[in-house]
Amino acid sequence: MAERHSSFNYGSTLWFLQRVTAAFLVVVLAFHFFLLHFVNHAYEITFAGSQFRMQQLGYFATMILFLGTATFHGTNGIYNALINQGIDGTQKTAAKWILVVAGVLLFVQGIRVALAFTGV
């Protein structure tokens, strides 16, 4: 029988955050699909409608939280997948900092886009 190997230490902060962000993402994705695929159909979605939604504080805050959790969840997941593949030493350090920089850049660009939608 294969031995279970994971870079996550069960019960650690990163282990916990990976699960919390996954749960949050499932809820927000369900909200997204319900709102933008069932309440409003694809052909009804317009730039003006998207801009209106982003001007609503609750929706804006939800999308910023979605951006932050998705960025963390994705970069943390990639990092741990790389560790599970056996990288260590300099490769591990380089991967960590590349993913940190990529995550920050992605988050900043997402904030810029969100603010552009609000007209700020």
N, C-alpha and C. Protein backbone atom coordinates (compact mmCIF):
# COMPACT_ATOMS: atom_id res chain seq x y z
N MET A 1 0.84 -1.18 0.00
CA MET A 1 0.00 0.00 0.00
C MET A 1 0.89 1.25 0.00
N ALA A 2 0.51 2.23 -0.80
CA ALA A 2 1.30 3.45 -0.92
C ALA A 2 1.23 4.27 0.35
N GLU A 3 2.36 4.86 0.68
CA GLU A 3 2.42 5.72 1.86
C GLU A 3 1.90 7.11 1.50
N ARG A 4 1.12 7.69 2.37
CA ARG A 4 0.60 9.04 2.15
C ARG A 4 1.70 10.04 2.40
N HIS A 5 1.93 10.92 1.43
CA HIS A 5 2.96 11.95 1.56
C HIS A 5 2.34 13.31 1.24
N SER A 6 2.51 14.26 2.13
CA SER A 6 2.02 15.60 1.88
C SER A 6 2.97 16.60 2.51
N SER A 7 3.15 17.72 1.85
CA SER A 7 4.00 18.77 2.40
C SER A 7 3.27 19.57 3.47
N PHE A 8 1.96 19.43 3.54
CA PHE A 8 1.20 20.11 4.58
C PHE A 8 1.36 19.34 5.88
N ASN A 9 1.71 20.05 6.93
CA ASN A 9 1.72 19.44 8.26
C ASN A 9 0.31 19.52 8.80
N TYR A 10 -0.31 18.35 9.02
CA TYR A 10 -1.68 18.31 9.49
C TYR A 10 -1.84 19.20 10.71
N GLY A 11 -2.82 20.10 10.65
CA GLY A 11 -3.10 20.99 11.77
C GLY A 11 -2.30 22.27 11.76
N SER A 12 -1.38 22.44 10.81
CA SER A 12 -0.59 23.68 10.76
C SER A 12 -1.46 24.83 10.24
N THR A 13 -0.95 26.02 10.36
CA THR A 13 -1.69 27.20 9.90
C THR A 13 -1.94 27.15 8.40
N LEU A 14 -0.91 26.79 7.61
CA LEU A 14 -1.09 26.72 6.16
C LEU A 14 -2.06 25.61 5.77
N TRP A 15 -2.02 24.50 6.48
CA TRP A 15 -2.96 23.40 6.24
C TRP A 15 -4.39 23.91 6.48
N PHE A 16 -4.58 24.59 7.60
CA PHE A 16 -5.89 25.13 7.96
C PHE A 16 -6.36 26.17 6.94
N LEU A 17 -5.49 27.11 6.56
CA LEU A 17 -5.86 28.15 5.61
C LEU A 17 -6.19 27.59 4.24
N GLN A 18 -5.50 26.53 3.83
CA GLN A 18 -5.80 25.91 2.53
C GLN A 18 -7.23 25.37 2.53
N ARG A 19 -7.64 24.79 3.63
CA ARG A 19 -9.00 24.25 3.73
C ARG A 19 -10.05 25.33 3.87
N VAL A 20 -9.76 26.37 4.65
CA VAL A 20 -10.72 27.48 4.82
C VAL A 20 -10.92 28.20 3.50
N THR A 21 -9.81 28.47 2.79
CA THR A 21 -9.95 29.16 1.51
C THR A 21 -10.69 28.28 0.49
N ALA A 22 -10.48 26.99 0.54
CA ALA A 22 -11.21 26.09 -0.37
C ALA A 22 -12.70 26.16 -0.10
N ALA A 23 -13.09 26.13 1.17
CA ALA A 23 -14.51 26.22 1.51
C ALA A 23 -15.10 27.55 1.08
N PHE A 24 -14.38 28.64 1.31
CA PHE A 24 -14.84 29.96 0.90
C PHE A 24 -15.00 30.03 -0.61
N LEU A 25 -14.02 29.49 -1.33
CA LEU A 25 -14.08 29.51 -2.80
C LEU A 25 -15.26 28.73 -3.33
N VAL A 26 -15.59 27.61 -2.72
CA VAL A 26 -16.76 26.83 -3.15
C VAL A 26 -18.03 27.67 -2.99
N VAL A 27 -18.16 28.35 -1.87
CA VAL A 27 -19.36 29.17 -1.62
C VAL A 27 -19.42 30.34 -2.61
N VAL A 28 -18.30 31.06 -2.80
CA VAL A 28 -18.31 32.22 -3.69
C VAL A 28 -18.50 31.80 -5.14
N LEU A 29 -17.91 30.67 -5.54
CA LEU A 29 -18.13 30.19 -6.90
C LEU A 29 -19.59 29.80 -7.12
N ALA A 30 -20.22 29.21 -6.10
CA ALA A 30 -21.64 28.89 -6.21
C ALA A 30 -22.46 30.17 -6.36
N PHE A 31 -22.12 31.20 -5.59
CA PHE A 31 -22.77 32.50 -5.70
C PHE A 31 -22.58 33.07 -7.11
N HIS A 32 -21.35 33.01 -7.60
CA HIS A 32 -21.04 33.51 -8.95
C HIS A 32 -21.88 32.80 -10.00
N PHE A 33 -21.87 31.48 -9.98
CA PHE A 33 -22.62 30.73 -10.99
C PHE A 33 -24.11 30.99 -10.88
N PHE A 34 -24.63 31.07 -9.66
CA PHE A 34 -26.06 31.35 -9.49
C PHE A 34 -26.40 32.73 -10.05
N LEU A 35 -25.63 33.74 -9.65
CA LEU A 35 -25.94 35.11 -10.06
C LEU A 35 -25.71 35.34 -11.55
N LEU A 36 -24.58 34.86 -12.07
CA LEU A 36 -24.21 35.21 -13.44
C LEU A 36 -24.54 34.15 -14.48
N HIS A 37 -25.11 33.05 -14.07
CA HIS A 37 -25.47 32.03 -15.05
C HIS A 37 -26.92 31.56 -14.93
N PHE A 38 -27.55 31.82 -13.78
CA PHE A 38 -28.94 31.42 -13.62
C PHE A 38 -29.87 32.62 -13.46
N VAL A 39 -29.51 33.57 -12.61
CA VAL A 39 -30.32 34.79 -12.45
C VAL A 39 -30.20 35.64 -13.70
N ASN A 40 -28.97 35.89 -14.12
CA ASN A 40 -28.68 36.61 -15.36
C ASN A 40 -28.01 35.61 -16.31
N HIS A 41 -28.52 35.51 -17.50
CA HIS A 41 -27.92 34.59 -18.47
C HIS A 41 -26.77 35.28 -19.19
N ALA A 42 -25.90 34.49 -19.77
CA ALA A 42 -24.67 35.02 -20.38
C ALA A 42 -24.95 36.16 -21.35
N TYR A 43 -25.97 36.04 -22.15
CA TYR A 43 -26.25 37.08 -23.15
C TYR A 43 -26.74 38.38 -22.50
N GLU A 44 -27.15 38.32 -21.24
CA GLU A 44 -27.62 39.52 -20.54
C GLU A 44 -26.49 40.27 -19.81
N ILE A 45 -25.32 39.67 -19.71
CA ILE A 45 -24.21 40.28 -18.99
C ILE A 45 -23.56 41.35 -19.88
N THR A 46 -23.50 42.55 -19.35
CA THR A 46 -22.90 43.67 -20.09
C THR A 46 -21.82 44.31 -19.23
N PHE A 47 -20.99 45.11 -19.87
CA PHE A 47 -19.97 45.85 -19.13
C PHE A 47 -20.64 46.77 -18.11
N ALA A 48 -21.70 47.45 -18.53
CA ALA A 48 -22.40 48.38 -17.62
C ALA A 48 -22.97 47.64 -16.42
N GLY A 49 -23.50 46.43 -16.64
CA GLY A 49 -24.03 45.64 -15.53
C GLY A 49 -22.93 45.21 -14.58
N SER A 50 -21.79 44.81 -15.14
CA SER A 50 -20.64 44.43 -14.32
C SER A 50 -20.14 45.63 -13.52
N GLN A 51 -20.10 46.78 -14.18
CA GLN A 51 -19.68 48.00 -13.50
C GLN A 51 -20.64 48.35 -12.37
N PHE A 52 -21.95 48.21 -12.61
CA PHE A 52 -22.95 48.48 -11.57
C PHE A 52 -22.75 47.55 -10.37
N ARG A 53 -22.56 46.24 -10.64
CA ARG A 53 -22.37 45.29 -9.54
C ARG A 53 -21.13 45.64 -8.72
N MET A 54 -20.04 46.01 -9.39
CA MET A 54 -18.80 46.32 -8.68
C MET A 54 -18.92 47.61 -7.87
N GLN A 55 -19.89 48.46 -8.17
CA GLN A 55 -20.09 49.69 -7.40
C GLN A 55 -20.87 49.44 -6.12
N GLN A 56 -21.42 48.23 -5.96
CA GLN A 56 -22.12 47.86 -4.73
C GLN A 56 -21.09 47.38 -3.72
N LEU A 57 -21.05 47.98 -2.54
CA LEU A 57 -20.00 47.69 -1.56
C LEU A 57 -19.92 46.21 -1.21
N GLY A 58 -21.05 45.56 -0.98
CA GLY A 58 -21.05 44.15 -0.62
C GLY A 58 -20.47 43.27 -1.71
N TYR A 59 -20.86 43.53 -2.94
CA TYR A 59 -20.36 42.76 -4.08
C TYR A 59 -18.87 43.02 -4.27
N PHE A 60 -18.47 44.28 -4.19
CA PHE A 60 -17.06 44.66 -4.34
C PHE A 60 -16.20 43.96 -3.29
N ALA A 61 -16.65 44.01 -2.03
CA ALA A 61 -15.90 43.37 -0.94
C ALA A 61 -15.82 41.86 -1.15
N THR A 62 -16.91 41.26 -1.60
CA THR A 62 -16.91 39.82 -1.86
C THR A 62 -15.93 39.46 -2.96
N MET A 63 -15.88 40.26 -4.01
CA MET A 63 -14.96 39.98 -5.12
C MET A 63 -13.50 40.19 -4.70
N ILE A 64 -13.23 41.16 -3.84
CA ILE A 64 -11.87 41.37 -3.34
C ILE A 64 -11.46 40.19 -2.46
N LEU A 65 -12.37 39.73 -1.60
CA LEU A 65 -12.08 38.55 -0.78
C LEU A 65 -11.89 37.32 -1.66
N PHE A 66 -12.69 37.21 -2.70
CA PHE A 66 -12.56 36.10 -3.65
C PHE A 66 -11.19 36.15 -4.32
N LEU A 67 -10.77 37.31 -4.75
CA LEU A 67 -9.47 37.49 -5.37
C LEU A 67 -8.35 37.09 -4.42
N GLY A 68 -8.42 37.58 -3.20
CA GLY A 68 -7.37 37.27 -2.22
C GLY A 68 -7.31 35.79 -1.86
N THR A 69 -8.47 35.20 -1.61
CA THR A 69 -8.46 33.78 -1.23
C THR A 69 -8.06 32.90 -2.41
N ALA A 70 -8.51 33.23 -3.61
CA ALA A 70 -8.14 32.42 -4.78
C ALA A 70 -6.65 32.53 -5.05
N THR A 71 -6.09 33.72 -4.90
CA THR A 71 -4.66 33.92 -5.11
C THR A 71 -3.86 33.12 -4.09
N PHE A 72 -4.23 33.24 -2.82
CA PHE A 72 -3.52 32.48 -1.78
C PHE A 72 -3.67 30.98 -2.00
N HIS A 73 -4.89 30.54 -2.21
CA HIS A 73 -5.16 29.11 -2.37
C HIS A 73 -4.37 28.54 -3.55
N GLY A 74 -4.37 29.25 -4.65
CA GLY A 74 -3.66 28.77 -5.84
C GLY A 74 -2.16 28.75 -5.66
N THR A 75 -1.58 29.84 -5.19
CA THR A 75 -0.13 29.88 -5.05
C THR A 75 0.34 28.92 -3.95
N ASN A 76 -0.38 28.83 -2.86
CA ASN A 76 -0.02 27.90 -1.79
C ASN A 76 -0.14 26.46 -2.28
N GLY A 77 -1.17 26.18 -3.06
CA GLY A 77 -1.34 24.84 -3.61
C GLY A 77 -0.23 24.47 -4.58
N ILE A 78 0.17 25.40 -5.44
CA ILE A 78 1.27 25.15 -6.38
C ILE A 78 2.56 24.91 -5.61
N TYR A 79 2.82 25.74 -4.62
CA TYR A 79 4.03 25.59 -3.81
C TYR A 79 4.09 24.22 -3.16
N ASN A 80 3.00 23.81 -2.57
CA ASN A 80 2.99 22.51 -1.90
C ASN A 80 3.04 21.35 -2.88
N ALA A 81 2.48 21.52 -4.06
CA ALA A 81 2.60 20.49 -5.09
C ALA A 81 4.05 20.34 -5.51
N LEU A 82 4.75 21.46 -5.65
CA LEU A 82 6.17 21.40 -6.00
C LEU A 82 6.99 20.72 -4.90
N ILE A 83 6.68 21.04 -3.66
CA ILE A 83 7.38 20.38 -2.55
C ILE A 83 7.09 18.88 -2.56
N ASN A 84 5.85 18.51 -2.83
CA ASN A 84 5.49 17.10 -2.90
C ASN A 84 6.23 16.39 -4.02
N GLN A 85 6.61 17.13 -5.06
CA GLN A 85 7.37 16.54 -6.16
C GLN A 85 8.86 16.39 -5.81
N GLY A 86 9.26 16.96 -4.68
CA GLY A 86 10.61 16.73 -4.20
C GLY A 86 11.58 17.89 -4.30
N ILE A 87 11.11 19.09 -4.65
CA ILE A 87 12.07 20.20 -4.70
C ILE A 87 12.49 20.56 -3.27
N ASP A 88 13.72 20.98 -3.14
CA ASP A 88 14.21 21.44 -1.84
C ASP A 88 15.37 22.39 -2.05
N GLY A 89 15.88 22.92 -0.98
CA GLY A 89 17.03 23.82 -1.06
C GLY A 89 16.75 25.08 -1.85
N THR A 90 17.66 25.38 -2.77
CA THR A 90 17.57 26.61 -3.57
C THR A 90 16.32 26.61 -4.44
N GLN A 91 15.97 25.46 -5.01
CA GLN A 91 14.76 25.39 -5.84
C GLN A 91 13.52 25.72 -5.03
N LYS A 92 13.45 25.22 -3.81
CA LYS A 92 12.30 25.48 -2.94
C LYS A 92 12.22 26.96 -2.60
N THR A 93 13.35 27.56 -2.27
CA THR A 93 13.39 28.99 -1.94
C THR A 93 13.00 29.84 -3.15
N ALA A 94 13.54 29.49 -4.32
CA ALA A 94 13.22 30.23 -5.55
C ALA A 94 11.73 30.11 -5.87
N ALA A 95 11.20 28.90 -5.77
CA ALA A 95 9.77 28.69 -6.05
C ALA A 95 8.91 29.49 -5.10
N LYS A 96 9.28 29.50 -3.82
CA LYS A 96 8.51 30.25 -2.83
C LYS A 96 8.46 31.73 -3.20
N TRP A 97 9.62 32.32 -3.49
CA TRP A 97 9.65 33.76 -3.76
C TRP A 97 9.05 34.11 -5.11
N ILE A 98 9.20 33.26 -6.09
CA ILE A 98 8.54 33.49 -7.38
C ILE A 98 7.03 33.48 -7.20
N LEU A 99 6.52 32.52 -6.42
CA LEU A 99 5.08 32.44 -6.19
C LEU A 99 4.58 33.60 -5.32
N VAL A 100 5.37 34.04 -4.36
CA VAL A 100 4.99 35.21 -3.55
C VAL A 100 4.88 36.44 -4.44
N VAL A 101 5.89 36.67 -5.26
CA VAL A 101 5.88 37.84 -6.16
C VAL A 101 4.72 37.73 -7.15
N ALA A 102 4.53 36.55 -7.75
CA ALA A 102 3.43 36.36 -8.70
C ALA A 102 2.08 36.58 -8.02
N GLY A 103 1.93 36.08 -6.81
CA GLY A 103 0.68 36.26 -6.08
C GLY A 103 0.40 37.72 -5.76
N VAL A 104 1.43 38.44 -5.33
CA VAL A 104 1.26 39.87 -5.02
C VAL A 104 0.91 40.63 -6.30
N LEU A 105 1.63 40.35 -7.39
CA LEU A 105 1.33 41.04 -8.66
C LEU A 105 -0.09 40.73 -9.14
N LEU A 106 -0.49 39.49 -9.03
CA LEU A 106 -1.84 39.11 -9.43
C LEU A 106 -2.88 39.83 -8.57
N PHE A 107 -2.65 39.88 -7.28
CA PHE A 107 -3.58 40.54 -6.38
C PHE A 107 -3.66 42.04 -6.67
N VAL A 108 -2.51 42.68 -6.85
CA VAL A 108 -2.48 44.12 -7.14
C VAL A 108 -3.19 44.41 -8.45
N GLN A 109 -2.92 43.61 -9.48
CA GLN A 109 -3.60 43.82 -10.77
C GLN A 109 -5.10 43.61 -10.63
N GLY A 110 -5.50 42.62 -9.86
CA GLY A 110 -6.93 42.38 -9.63
C GLY A 110 -7.60 43.55 -8.93
N ILE A 111 -6.90 44.14 -7.97
CA ILE A 111 -7.42 45.33 -7.28
C ILE A 111 -7.55 46.48 -8.27
N ARG A 112 -6.55 46.65 -9.12
CA ARG A 112 -6.60 47.72 -10.13
C ARG A 112 -7.80 47.54 -11.06
N VAL A 113 -8.05 46.33 -11.49
CA VAL A 113 -9.19 46.06 -12.37
C VAL A 113 -10.50 46.32 -11.62
N ALA A 114 -10.58 45.84 -10.37
CA ALA A 114 -11.80 46.05 -9.59
C ALA A 114 -12.08 47.53 -9.39
N LEU A 115 -11.05 48.30 -9.09
CA LEU A 115 -11.23 49.74 -8.91
C LEU A 115 -11.60 50.43 -10.23
N ALA A 116 -11.05 49.95 -11.33
CA ALA A 116 -11.43 50.51 -12.64
C ALA A 116 -12.91 50.27 -12.91
N PHE A 117 -13.41 49.11 -12.51
CA PHE A 117 -14.84 48.82 -12.70
C PHE A 117 -15.72 49.74 -11.87
N THR A 118 -15.22 50.16 -10.70
CA THR A 118 -16.04 51.04 -9.87
C THR A 118 -15.97 52.48 -10.32
N GLY A 119 -15.00 52.80 -11.19
CA GLY A 119 -14.87 54.17 -11.65
C GLY A 119 -13.97 55.00 -10.78
N VAL A 120 -13.28 54.38 -9.84
CA VAL A 120 -12.37 55.10 -8.93
C VAL A 120 -11.05 55.34 -9.60
